[in-house]
Amino acid sequence: MIDNADFIAELKYRTTEQGGRRTPANSGYRPQLKFDFTEMQTSGHQFFIGTDSVMPGETVLAQIGMNSTRFYENKLEIGMEFEFLEGATIIGIGQITEIINKSLEKKKAST
């Protein structure tokens, strides 16, 4: 596990025909991340689990290390989806499978 991983996600890269990348992405790739609850985007390092690169159209598990985590404190939850982008182009969709940085985890409402 990388030292600065904030969460693990399943990443589904769009095919080139769907508007995704034309070339493979290598582990360490750093696209922008966009969650539905905010217009703000942040850079997110993707460190692939079990492979060094991903072709357009493939799905991979990755550890994600975000910049600007303070803007996302208490807002993420397992199962939450997000887009990852190059500029304005959505190149894939991710879904959180595990939250490592517990300060980012959405607090459960107490009864």
PDB file of N, CA and C in Angstrom:
ATOM      1  N   MET A   1       0.851  -1.193   0.000  1.00  0.00           N
ATOM      2  CA  MET A   1       0.000   0.000   0.000  1.00  0.00           C
ATOM      3  C   MET A   1       0.888   1.245   0.000  1.00  0.00           C
ATOM      4  N   ILE A   2       0.480   2.245  -0.747  1.00  0.00           N
ATOM      5  CA  ILE A   2       1.252   3.484  -0.781  1.00  0.00           C
ATOM      6  C   ILE A   2       1.017   4.262   0.511  1.00  0.00           C
ATOM      7  N   ASP A   3       1.959   5.079   0.893  1.00  0.00           N
ATOM      8  CA  ASP A   3       1.883   5.817   2.152  1.00  0.00           C
ATOM      9  C   ASP A   3       0.743   6.826   2.188  1.00  0.00           C
ATOM     10  N   ASN A   4       0.448   7.442   1.062  1.00  0.00           N
ATOM     11  CA  ASN A   4      -0.541   8.531   1.062  1.00  0.00           C
ATOM     12  C   ASN A   4      -1.875   8.132   0.429  1.00  0.00           C
ATOM     13  N   ALA A   5      -2.219   6.839   0.465  1.00  0.00           N
ATOM     14  CA  ALA A   5      -3.494   6.400  -0.115  1.00  0.00           C
ATOM     15  C   ALA A   5      -4.644   6.870   0.766  1.00  0.00           C
ATOM     16  N   ASP A   6      -5.661   7.454   0.154  1.00  0.00           N
ATOM     17  CA  ASP A   6      -6.848   7.903   0.879  1.00  0.00           C
ATOM     18  C   ASP A   6      -7.994   6.904   0.775  1.00  0.00           C
ATOM     19  N   PHE A   7      -8.107   6.231  -0.369  1.00  0.00           N
ATOM     20  CA  PHE A   7      -9.131   5.207  -0.527  1.00  0.00           C
ATOM     21  C   PHE A   7      -8.760   4.270  -1.666  1.00  0.00           C
ATOM     22  N   ILE A   8      -9.486   3.148  -1.730  1.00  0.00           N
ATOM     23  CA  ILE A   8      -9.335   2.189  -2.827  1.00  0.00           C
ATOM     24  C   ILE A   8     -10.615   2.245  -3.635  1.00  0.00           C
ATOM     25  N   ALA A   9     -10.480   2.190  -4.956  1.00  0.00           N
ATOM     26  CA  ALA A   9     -11.655   2.280  -5.830  1.00  0.00           C
ATOM     27  C   ALA A   9     -11.498   1.340  -7.014  1.00  0.00           C
ATOM     28  N   GLU A  10     -12.649   0.918  -7.530  1.00  0.00           N
ATOM     29  CA  GLU A  10     -12.696   0.212  -8.802  1.00  0.00           C
ATOM     30  C   GLU A  10     -12.837   1.279  -9.873  1.00  0.00           C
ATOM     31  N   LEU A  11     -11.918   1.289 -10.819  1.00  0.00           N
ATOM     32  CA  LEU A  11     -11.901   2.298 -11.880  1.00  0.00           C
ATOM     33  C   LEU A  11     -12.280   1.657 -13.199  1.00  0.00           C
ATOM     34  N   LYS A  12     -13.301   2.203 -13.848  1.00  0.00           N
ATOM     35  CA  LYS A  12     -13.733   1.722 -15.162  1.00  0.00           C
ATOM     36  C   LYS A  12     -13.349   2.783 -16.193  1.00  0.00           C
ATOM     37  N   TYR A  13     -12.314   2.472 -16.951  1.00  0.00           N
ATOM     38  CA  TYR A  13     -11.857   3.393 -17.987  1.00  0.00           C
ATOM     39  C   TYR A  13     -12.783   3.308 -19.196  1.00  0.00           C
ATOM     40  N   ARG A  14     -13.185   4.454 -19.727  1.00  0.00           N
ATOM     41  CA  ARG A  14     -13.985   4.475 -20.953  1.00  0.00           C
ATOM     42  C   ARG A  14     -13.122   4.034 -22.129  1.00  0.00           C
ATOM     43  N   THR A  15     -13.795   3.455 -23.126  1.00  0.00           N
ATOM     44  CA  THR A  15     -13.087   3.120 -24.366  1.00  0.00           C
ATOM     45  C   THR A  15     -12.802   4.414 -25.128  1.00  0.00           C
ATOM     46  N   THR A  16     -11.921   4.337 -26.088  1.00  0.00           N
ATOM     47  CA  THR A  16     -11.622   5.493 -26.932  1.00  0.00           C
ATOM     48  C   THR A  16     -12.898   5.963 -27.628  1.00  0.00           C
ATOM     49  N   GLU A  17     -13.731   5.013 -28.076  1.00  0.00           N
ATOM     50  CA  GLU A  17     -14.975   5.346 -28.771  1.00  0.00           C
ATOM     51  C   GLU A  17     -15.974   6.052 -27.847  1.00  0.00           C
ATOM     52  N   GLN A  18     -15.888   5.796 -26.550  1.00  0.00           N
ATOM     53  CA  GLN A  18     -16.765   6.454 -25.569  1.00  0.00           C
ATOM     54  C   GLN A  18     -16.212   7.813 -25.134  1.00  0.00           C
ATOM     55  N   GLY A  19     -15.088   8.223 -25.708  1.00  0.00           N
ATOM     56  CA  GLY A  19     -14.477   9.494 -25.353  1.00  0.00           C
ATOM     57  C   GLY A  19     -13.329   9.379 -24.375  1.00  0.00           C
ATOM     58  N   GLY A  20     -12.921   8.148 -24.081  1.00  0.00           N
ATOM     59  CA  GLY A  20     -11.823   7.919 -23.143  1.00  0.00           C
ATOM     60  C   GLY A  20     -10.459   8.118 -23.789  1.00  0.00           C
ATOM     61  N   ARG A  21      -9.455   7.663 -23.071  1.00  0.00           N
ATOM     62  CA  ARG A  21      -8.069   7.792 -23.546  1.00  0.00           C
ATOM     63  C   ARG A  21      -7.849   6.990 -24.831  1.00  0.00           C
ATOM     64  N   ARG A  22      -6.825   7.384 -25.562  1.00  0.00           N
ATOM     65  CA  ARG A  22      -6.418   6.649 -26.760  1.00  0.00           C
ATOM     66  C   ARG A  22      -5.255   5.696 -26.433  1.00  0.00           C
ATOM     67  N   THR A  23      -4.584   5.954 -25.330  1.00  0.00           N
ATOM     68  CA  THR A  23      -3.401   5.179 -24.937  1.00  0.00           C
ATOM     69  C   THR A  23      -3.599   4.623 -23.526  1.00  0.00           C
ATOM     70  N   PRO A  24      -2.791   3.632 -23.139  1.00  0.00           N
ATOM     71  CA  PRO A  24      -2.921   3.087 -21.786  1.00  0.00           C
ATOM     72  C   PRO A  24      -2.566   4.131 -20.727  1.00  0.00           C
ATOM     73  N   ALA A  25      -3.100   3.935 -19.530  1.00  0.00           N
ATOM     74  CA  ALA A  25      -2.706   4.734 -18.363  1.00  0.00           C
ATOM     75  C   ALA A  25      -1.767   3.875 -17.529  1.00  0.00           C
ATOM     76  N   ASN A  26      -0.708   4.464 -17.029  1.00  0.00           N
ATOM     77  CA  ASN A  26       0.254   3.756 -16.199  1.00  0.00           C
ATOM     78  C   ASN A  26      -0.007   4.038 -14.729  1.00  0.00           C
ATOM     79  N   SER A  27       0.339   3.078 -13.882  1.00  0.00           N
ATOM     80  CA  SER A  27       0.211   3.261 -12.444  1.00  0.00           C
ATOM     81  C   SER A  27       0.976   4.527 -12.044  1.00  0.00           C
ATOM     82  N   GLY A  28       0.363   5.357 -11.212  1.00  0.00           N
ATOM     83  CA  GLY A  28       0.927   6.654 -10.858  1.00  0.00           C
ATOM     84  C   GLY A  28       0.266   7.795 -11.615  1.00  0.00           C
ATOM     85  N   TYR A  29      -0.581   7.453 -12.563  1.00  0.00           N
ATOM     86  CA  TYR A  29      -1.344   8.425 -13.360  1.00  0.00           C
ATOM     87  C   TYR A  29      -2.150   9.329 -12.423  1.00  0.00           C
ATOM     88  N   ARG A  30      -2.302  10.598 -12.803  1.00  0.00           N
ATOM     89  CA  ARG A  30      -2.905  11.576 -11.897  1.00  0.00           C
ATOM     90  C   ARG A  30      -3.958  12.444 -12.596  1.00  0.00           C
ATOM     91  N   PRO A  31      -5.135  11.884 -12.896  1.00  0.00           N
ATOM     92  CA  PRO A  31      -6.207  12.705 -13.471  1.00  0.00           C
ATOM     93  C   PRO A  31      -6.919  13.512 -12.387  1.00  0.00           C
ATOM     94  N   GLN A  32      -7.857  14.349 -12.797  1.00  0.00           N
ATOM     95  CA  GLN A  32      -8.701  15.083 -11.860  1.00  0.00           C
ATOM     96  C   GLN A  32      -9.834  14.169 -11.393  1.00  0.00           C
ATOM     97  N   LEU A  33     -10.264  14.351 -10.145  1.00  0.00           N
ATOM     98  CA  LEU A  33     -11.398  13.613  -9.590  1.00  0.00           C
ATOM     99  C   LEU A  33     -12.543  14.577  -9.377  1.00  0.00           C
ATOM    100  N   LYS A  34     -13.767  14.130  -9.681  1.00  0.00           N
ATOM    101  CA  LYS A  34     -14.962  14.960  -9.532  1.00  0.00           C
ATOM    102  C   LYS A  34     -16.061  14.138  -8.870  1.00  0.00           C
ATOM    103  N   PHE A  35     -16.496  14.587  -7.688  1.00  0.00           N
ATOM    104  CA  PHE A  35     -17.589  13.961  -6.958  1.00  0.00           C
ATOM    105  C   PHE A  35     -18.855  14.781  -7.162  1.00  0.00           C
ATOM    106  N   ASP A  36     -20.019  14.119  -7.123  1.00  0.00           N
ATOM    107  CA  ASP A  36     -21.304  14.782  -7.369  1.00  0.00           C
ATOM    108  C   ASP A  36     -21.640  15.874  -6.356  1.00  0.00           C
ATOM    109  N   PHE A  37     -21.121  15.777  -5.133  1.00  0.00           N
ATOM    110  CA  PHE A  37     -21.526  16.713  -4.084  1.00  0.00           C
ATOM    111  C   PHE A  37     -20.820  18.066  -4.151  1.00  0.00           C
ATOM    112  N   THR A  38     -19.901  18.259  -5.092  1.00  0.00           N
ATOM    113  CA  THR A  38     -19.203  19.540  -5.211  1.00  0.00           C
ATOM    114  C   THR A  38     -18.763  19.770  -6.656  1.00  0.00           C
ATOM    115  N   GLU A  39     -18.656  21.038  -7.019  1.00  0.00           N
ATOM    116  CA  GLU A  39     -18.124  21.386  -8.347  1.00  0.00           C
ATOM    117  C   GLU A  39     -16.601  21.354  -8.356  1.00  0.00           C
ATOM    118  N   MET A  40     -15.995  21.390  -7.165  1.00  0.00           N
ATOM    119  CA  MET A  40     -14.547  21.401  -7.063  1.00  0.00           C
ATOM    120  C   MET A  40     -13.969  20.057  -7.524  1.00  0.00           C
ATOM    121  N   GLN A  41     -12.828  20.125  -8.158  1.00  0.00           N
ATOM    122  CA  GLN A  41     -12.104  18.928  -8.556  1.00  0.00           C
ATOM    123  C   GLN A  41     -10.766  18.915  -7.842  1.00  0.00           C
ATOM    124  N   THR A  42     -10.180  17.736  -7.707  1.00  0.00           N
ATOM    125  CA  THR A  42      -8.859  17.607  -7.114  1.00  0.00           C
ATOM    126  C   THR A  42      -8.061  16.583  -7.902  1.00  0.00           C
ATOM    127  N   SER A  43      -6.776  16.685  -7.828  1.00  0.00           N
ATOM    128  CA  SER A  43      -5.899  15.716  -8.470  1.00  0.00           C
ATOM    129  C   SER A  43      -5.881  14.447  -7.623  1.00  0.00           C
ATOM    130  N   GLY A  44      -5.885  13.297  -8.281  1.00  0.00           N
ATOM    131  CA  GLY A  44      -5.865  12.034  -7.549  1.00  0.00           C
ATOM    132  C   GLY A  44      -4.913  11.039  -8.184  1.00  0.00           C
ATOM    133  N   HIS A  45      -3.822  10.733  -7.475  1.00  0.00           N
ATOM    134  CA  HIS A  45      -2.871   9.726  -7.954  1.00  0.00           C
ATOM    135  C   HIS A  45      -3.526   8.358  -7.947  1.00  0.00           C
ATOM    136  N   GLN A  46      -3.454   7.641  -9.053  1.00  0.00           N
ATOM    137  CA  GLN A  46      -3.986   6.290  -9.155  1.00  0.00           C
ATOM    138  C   GLN A  46      -2.813   5.315  -9.161  1.00  0.00           C
ATOM    139  N   PHE A  47      -2.762   4.464  -8.136  1.00  0.00           N
ATOM    140  CA  PHE A  47      -1.737   3.431  -8.071  1.00  0.00           C
ATOM    141  C   PHE A  47      -2.445   2.092  -8.228  1.00  0.00           C
ATOM    142  N   PHE A  48      -2.285   1.480  -9.394  1.00  0.00           N
ATOM    143  CA  PHE A  48      -3.023   0.274  -9.743  1.00  0.00           C
ATOM    144  C   PHE A  48      -2.597  -0.907  -8.881  1.00  0.00           C
ATOM    145  N   ILE A  49      -3.564  -1.769  -8.561  1.00  0.00           N
ATOM    146  CA  ILE A  49      -3.316  -2.966  -7.768  1.00  0.00           C
ATOM    147  C   ILE A  49      -3.259  -4.160  -8.723  1.00  0.00           C
ATOM    148  N   GLY A  50      -2.109  -4.815  -8.780  1.00  0.00           N
ATOM    149  CA  GLY A  50      -1.969  -6.027  -9.584  1.00  0.00           C
ATOM    150  C   GLY A  50      -1.567  -5.821 -11.028  1.00  0.00           C
ATOM    151  N   THR A  51      -1.380  -4.577 -11.455  1.00  0.00           N
ATOM    152  CA  THR A  51      -0.948  -4.312 -12.833  1.00  0.00           C
ATOM    153  C   THR A  51      -0.223  -2.970 -12.887  1.00  0.00           C
ATOM    154  N   ASP A  52       0.563  -2.786 -13.926  1.00  0.00           N
ATOM    155  CA  ASP A  52       1.293  -1.530 -14.093  1.00  0.00           C
ATOM    156  C   ASP A  52       0.619  -0.570 -15.050  1.00  0.00           C
ATOM    157  N   SER A  53      -0.323  -1.088 -15.885  1.00  0.00           N
ATOM    158  CA  SER A  53      -0.997  -0.208 -16.835  1.00  0.00           C
ATOM    159  C   SER A  53      -2.395  -0.737 -17.140  1.00  0.00           C
ATOM    160  N   VAL A  54      -3.243   0.175 -17.635  1.00  0.00           N
ATOM    161  CA  VAL A  54      -4.637  -0.140 -17.953  1.00  0.00           C
ATOM    162  C   VAL A  54      -4.938   0.415 -19.343  1.00  0.00           C
ATOM    163  N   MET A  55      -5.551  -0.430 -20.170  1.00  0.00           N
ATOM    164  CA  MET A  55      -5.942  -0.017 -21.515  1.00  0.00           C
ATOM    165  C   MET A  55      -7.321   0.654 -21.481  1.00  0.00           C
ATOM    166  N   PRO A  56      -7.624   1.533 -22.435  1.00  0.00           N
ATOM    167  CA  PRO A  56      -8.975   2.079 -22.533  1.00  0.00           C
ATOM    168  C   PRO A  56      -9.997   0.944 -22.583  1.00  0.00           C
ATOM    169  N   GLY A  57     -11.084   1.068 -21.811  1.00  0.00           N
ATOM    170  CA  GLY A  57     -12.121   0.049 -21.757  1.00  0.00           C
ATOM    171  C   GLY A  57     -11.937  -0.971 -20.645  1.00  0.00           C
ATOM    172  N   GLU A  58     -10.790  -0.963 -19.983  1.00  0.00           N
ATOM    173  CA  GLU A  58     -10.533  -1.929 -18.910  1.00  0.00           C
ATOM    174  C   GLU A  58     -10.952  -1.388 -17.548  1.00  0.00           C
ATOM    175  N   THR A  59     -11.095  -2.313 -16.595  1.00  0.00           N
ATOM    176  CA  THR A  59     -11.428  -1.991 -15.211  1.00  0.00           C
ATOM    177  C   THR A  59     -10.289  -2.458 -14.321  1.00  0.00           C
ATOM    178  N   VAL A  60      -9.962  -1.663 -13.293  1.00  0.00           N
ATOM    179  CA  VAL A  60      -8.841  -1.988 -12.414  1.00  0.00           C
ATOM    180  C   VAL A  60      -9.161  -1.497 -11.002  1.00  0.00           C
ATOM    181  N   LEU A  61      -8.574  -2.158 -10.011  1.00  0.00           N
ATOM    182  CA  LEU A  61      -8.604  -1.651  -8.640  1.00  0.00           C
ATOM    183  C   LEU A  61      -7.378  -0.770  -8.461  1.00  0.00           C
ATOM    184  N   ALA A  62      -7.554   0.331  -7.731  1.00  0.00           N
ATOM    185  CA  ALA A  62      -6.434   1.243  -7.524  1.00  0.00           C
ATOM    186  C   ALA A  62      -6.520   1.898  -6.156  1.00  0.00           C
ATOM    187  N   GLN A  63      -5.370   2.178  -5.600  1.00  0.00           N
ATOM    188  CA  GLN A  63      -5.277   3.033  -4.427  1.00  0.00           C
ATOM    189  C   GLN A  63      -5.239   4.464  -4.944  1.00  0.00           C
ATOM    190  N   ILE A  64      -6.009   5.340  -4.320  1.00  0.00           N
ATOM    191  CA  ILE A  64      -6.087   6.731  -4.754  1.00  0.00           C
ATOM    192  C   ILE A  64      -5.556   7.628  -3.643  1.00  0.00           C
ATOM    193  N   GLY A  65      -4.625   8.486  -3.989  1.00  0.00           N
ATOM    194  CA  GLY A  65      -4.113   9.505  -3.076  1.00  0.00           C
ATOM    195  C   GLY A  65      -4.518  10.867  -3.603  1.00  0.00           C
ATOM    196  N   MET A  66      -5.354  11.581  -2.852  1.00  0.00           N
ATOM    197  CA  MET A  66      -5.881  12.872  -3.315  1.00  0.00           C
ATOM    198  C   MET A  66      -5.051  14.039  -2.795  1.00  0.00           C
ATOM    199  N   ASN A  67      -5.031  15.113  -3.581  1.00  0.00           N
ATOM    200  CA  ASN A  67      -4.558  16.403  -3.092  1.00  0.00           C
ATOM    201  C   ASN A  67      -5.749  17.077  -2.424  1.00  0.00           C
ATOM    202  N   SER A  68      -5.527  18.054  -1.580  1.00  0.00           N
ATOM    203  CA  SER A  68      -6.594  18.862  -0.973  1.00  0.00           C
ATOM    204  C   SER A  68      -7.632  18.018  -0.240  1.00  0.00           C
ATOM    205  N   THR A  69      -7.184  17.079   0.577  1.00  0.00           N
ATOM    206  CA  THR A  69      -8.129  16.211   1.276  1.00  0.00           C
ATOM    207  C   THR A  69      -9.017  16.971   2.263  1.00  0.00           C
ATOM    208  N   ARG A  70      -8.571  18.103   2.759  1.00  0.00           N
ATOM    209  CA  ARG A  70      -9.378  18.824   3.761  1.00  0.00           C
ATOM    210  C   ARG A  70     -10.740  19.236   3.220  1.00  0.00           C
ATOM    211  N   PHE A  71     -10.873  19.401   1.916  1.00  0.00           N
ATOM    212  CA  PHE A  71     -12.158  19.776   1.319  1.00  0.00           C
ATOM    213  C   PHE A  71     -13.122  18.586   1.227  1.00  0.00           C
ATOM    214  N   TYR A  72     -12.616  17.386   1.495  1.00  0.00           N
ATOM    215  CA  TYR A  72     -13.424  16.179   1.365  1.00  0.00           C
ATOM    216  C   TYR A  72     -13.648  15.464   2.699  1.00  0.00           C
ATOM    217  N   GLU A  73     -13.225  16.091   3.797  1.00  0.00           N
ATOM    218  CA  GLU A  73     -13.392  15.469   5.111  1.00  0.00           C
ATOM    219  C   GLU A  73     -14.866  15.233   5.420  1.00  0.00           C
ATOM    220  N   ASN A  74     -15.163  14.052   5.955  1.00  0.00           N
ATOM    221  CA  ASN A  74     -16.518  13.638   6.356  1.00  0.00           C
ATOM    222  C   ASN A  74     -17.506  13.602   5.179  1.00  0.00           C
ATOM    223  N   LYS A  75     -17.032  13.382   3.955  1.00  0.00           N
ATOM    224  CA  LYS A  75     -17.925  13.427   2.791  1.00  0.00           C
ATOM    225  C   LYS A  75     -17.919  12.170   1.927  1.00  0.00           C
ATOM    226  N   LEU A  76     -16.969  11.264   2.125  1.00  0.00           N
ATOM    227  CA  LEU A  76     -16.881  10.087   1.265  1.00  0.00           C
ATOM    228  C   LEU A  76     -17.468   8.858   1.957  1.00  0.00           C
ATOM    229  N   GLU A  77     -18.028   7.947   1.153  1.00  0.00           N
ATOM    230  CA  GLU A  77     -18.537   6.697   1.711  1.00  0.00           C
ATOM    231  C   GLU A  77     -18.324   5.567   0.717  1.00  0.00           C
ATOM    232  N   ILE A  78     -18.266   4.357   1.238  1.00  0.00           N
ATOM    233  CA  ILE A  78     -18.097   3.172   0.397  1.00  0.00           C
ATOM    234  C   ILE A  78     -19.290   3.081  -0.557  1.00  0.00           C
ATOM    235  N   GLY A  79     -19.010   2.794  -1.807  1.00  0.00           N
ATOM    236  CA  GLY A  79     -20.042   2.704  -2.832  1.00  0.00           C
ATOM    237  C   GLY A  79     -20.233   3.996  -3.607  1.00  0.00           C
ATOM    238  N   MET A  80     -19.695   5.105  -3.098  1.00  0.00           N
ATOM    239  CA  MET A  80     -19.830   6.400  -3.769  1.00  0.00           C
ATOM    240  C   MET A  80     -19.088   6.369  -5.103  1.00  0.00           C
ATOM    241  N   GLU A  81     -19.721   6.939  -6.133  1.00  0.00           N
ATOM    242  CA  GLU A  81     -19.090   7.013  -7.448  1.00  0.00           C
ATOM    243  C   GLU A  81     -18.502   8.398  -7.685  1.00  0.00           C
ATOM    244  N   PHE A  82     -17.518   8.453  -8.567  1.00  0.00           N
ATOM    245  CA  PHE A  82     -16.889   9.707  -8.958  1.00  0.00           C
ATOM    246  C   PHE A  82     -16.406   9.569 -10.395  1.00  0.00           C
ATOM    247  N   GLU A  83     -16.217  10.704 -11.031  1.00  0.00           N
ATOM    248  CA  GLU A  83     -15.653  10.727 -12.380  1.00  0.00           C
ATOM    249  C   GLU A  83     -14.167  11.033 -12.277  1.00  0.00           C
ATOM    250  N   PHE A  84     -13.382  10.532 -13.214  1.00  0.00           N
ATOM    251  CA  PHE A  84     -12.000  11.000 -13.338  1.00  0.00           C
ATOM    252  C   PHE A  84     -11.818  11.531 -14.749  1.00  0.00           C
ATOM    253  N   LEU A  85     -11.120  12.659 -14.810  1.00  0.00           N
ATOM    254  CA  LEU A  85     -11.092  13.465 -16.023  1.00  0.00           C
ATOM    255  C   LEU A  85      -9.689  13.887 -16.429  1.00  0.00           C
ATOM    256  N   GLU A  86      -9.540  14.134 -17.731  1.00  0.00           N
ATOM    257  CA  GLU A  86      -8.386  14.851 -18.295  1.00  0.00           C
ATOM    258  C   GLU A  86      -8.968  16.149 -18.832  1.00  0.00           C
ATOM    259  N   GLY A  87      -8.701  17.245 -18.158  1.00  0.00           N
ATOM    260  CA  GLY A  87      -9.323  18.511 -18.538  1.00  0.00           C
ATOM    261  C   GLY A  87     -10.822  18.397 -18.356  1.00  0.00           C
ATOM    262  N   ALA A  88     -11.602  18.696 -19.403  1.00  0.00           N
ATOM    263  CA  ALA A  88     -13.064  18.605 -19.328  1.00  0.00           C
ATOM    264  C   ALA A  88     -13.581  17.238 -19.796  1.00  0.00           C
ATOM    265  N   THR A  89     -12.676  16.338 -20.183  1.00  0.00           N
ATOM    266  CA  THR A  89     -13.069  15.042 -20.741  1.00  0.00           C
ATOM    267  C   THR A  89     -13.134  13.974 -19.661  1.00  0.00           C
ATOM    268  N   ILE A  90     -14.320  13.377 -19.492  1.00  0.00           N
ATOM    269  CA  ILE A  90     -14.476  12.271 -18.542  1.00  0.00           C
ATOM    270  C   ILE A  90     -13.881  11.029 -19.188  1.00  0.00           C
ATOM    271  N   ILE A  91     -12.855  10.473 -18.554  1.00  0.00           N
ATOM    272  CA  ILE A  91     -12.206   9.294 -19.127  1.00  0.00           C
ATOM    273  C   ILE A  91     -12.587   8.010 -18.395  1.00  0.00           C
ATOM    274  N   GLY A  92     -13.316   8.154 -17.272  1.00  0.00           N
ATOM    275  CA  GLY A  92     -13.745   6.961 -16.559  1.00  0.00           C
ATOM    276  C   GLY A  92     -14.571   7.291 -15.337  1.00  0.00           C
ATOM    277  N   ILE A  93     -15.125   6.230 -14.758  1.00  0.00           N
ATOM    278  CA  ILE A  93     -15.937   6.329 -13.544  1.00  0.00           C
ATOM    279  C   ILE A  93     -15.309   5.416 -12.501  1.00  0.00           C
ATOM    280  N   GLY A  94     -15.225   5.920 -11.274  1.00  0.00           N
ATOM    281  CA  GLY A  94     -14.710   5.118 -10.169  1.00  0.00           C
ATOM    282  C   GLY A  94     -15.781   4.899  -9.117  1.00  0.00           C
ATOM    283  N   GLN A  95     -15.602   3.848  -8.334  1.00  0.00           N
ATOM    284  CA  GLN A  95     -16.490   3.582  -7.206  1.00  0.00           C
ATOM    285  C   GLN A  95     -15.627   3.191  -6.018  1.00  0.00           C
ATOM    286  N   ILE A  96     -15.823   3.893  -4.896  1.00  0.00           N
ATOM    287  CA  ILE A  96     -15.039   3.652  -3.685  1.00  0.00           C
ATOM    288  C   ILE A  96     -15.394   2.283  -3.102  1.00  0.00           C
ATOM    289  N   THR A  97     -14.362   1.464  -2.842  1.00  0.00           N
ATOM    290  CA  THR A  97     -14.569   0.151  -2.237  1.00  0.00           C
ATOM    291  C   THR A  97     -14.059   0.091  -0.798  1.00  0.00           C
ATOM    292  N   GLU A  98     -13.135   0.983  -0.443  1.00  0.00           N
ATOM    293  CA  GLU A  98     -12.581   1.022   0.912  1.00  0.00           C
ATOM    294  C   GLU A  98     -12.040   2.418   1.180  1.00  0.00           C
ATOM    295  N   ILE A  99     -12.295   2.937   2.378  1.00  0.00           N
ATOM    296  CA  ILE A  99     -11.757   4.248   2.761  1.00  0.00           C
ATOM    297  C   ILE A  99     -10.618   4.020   3.757  1.00  0.00           C
ATOM    298  N   ILE A 100      -9.434   4.457   3.388  1.00  0.00           N
ATOM    299  CA  ILE A 100      -8.243   4.272   4.214  1.00  0.00           C
ATOM    300  C   ILE A 100      -8.063   5.467   5.149  1.00  0.00           C
ATOM    301  N   ASN A 101      -8.189   6.681   4.607  1.00  0.00           N
ATOM    302  CA  ASN A 101      -8.070   7.920   5.392  1.00  0.00           C
ATOM    303  C   ASN A 101      -9.417   8.175   6.069  1.00  0.00           C
ATOM    304  N   LYS A 102      -9.532   7.792   7.338  1.00  0.00           N
ATOM    305  CA  LYS A 102     -10.818   7.829   8.046  1.00  0.00           C
ATOM    306  C   LYS A 102     -11.352   9.244   8.244  1.00  0.00           C
ATOM    307  N   SER A 103     -10.518  10.274   8.101  1.00  0.00           N
ATOM    308  CA  SER A 103     -11.030  11.649   8.211  1.00  0.00           C
ATOM    309  C   SER A 103     -11.932  12.006   7.026  1.00  0.00           C
ATOM    310  N   LEU A 104     -11.835  11.240   5.945  1.00  0.00           N
ATOM    311  CA  LEU A 104     -12.673  11.496   4.763  1.00  0.00           C
ATOM    312  C   LEU A 104     -14.021  10.801   4.848  1.00  0.00           C
ATOM    313  N   GLU A 105     -14.134   9.828   5.741  1.00  0.00           N
ATOM    314  CA  GLU A 105     -15.340   9.006   5.817  1.00  0.00           C
ATOM    315  C   GLU A 105     -16.520   9.797   6.371  1.00  0.00           C
ATOM    316  N   LYS A 106     -17.638   9.696   5.660  1.00  0.00           N
ATOM    317  CA  LYS A 106     -18.872  10.372   6.076  1.00  0.00           C
ATOM    318  C   LYS A 106     -19.340   9.767   7.390  1.00  0.00           C
ATOM    319  N   LYS A 107     -19.653  10.633   8.342  1.00  0.00           N
ATOM    320  CA  LYS A 107     -20.120  10.177   9.644  1.00  0.00           C
ATOM    321  C   LYS A 107     -21.538   9.644   9.534  1.00  0.00           C
ATOM    322  N   LYS A 108     -21.795   8.538  10.185  1.00  0.00           N
ATOM    323  CA  LYS A 108     -23.137   7.982  10.218  1.00  0.00           C
ATOM    324  C   LYS A 108     -23.997   8.829  11.164  1.00  0.00           C
ATOM    325  N   ALA A 109     -25.235   9.067  10.766  1.00  0.00           N
ATOM    326  CA  ALA A 109     -26.164   9.832  11.616  1.00  0.00           C
ATOM    327  C   ALA A 109     -26.485   8.991  12.848  1.00  0.00           C
ATOM    328  N   SER A 110     -26.419   9.618  14.008  1.00  0.00           N
ATOM    329  CA  SER A 110     -26.742   8.898  15.240  1.00  0.00           C
ATOM    330  C   SER A 110     -28.243   8.938  15.476  1.00  0.00           C
ATOM    331  N   THR A 111     -28.751   7.856  16.045  1.00  0.00           N
ATOM    332  CA  THR A 111     -30.200   7.758  16.267  1.00  0.00           C
ATOM    333  C   THR A 111     -30.595   8.126  17.664  1.00  0.00           C
TER     334      THR A 111
END
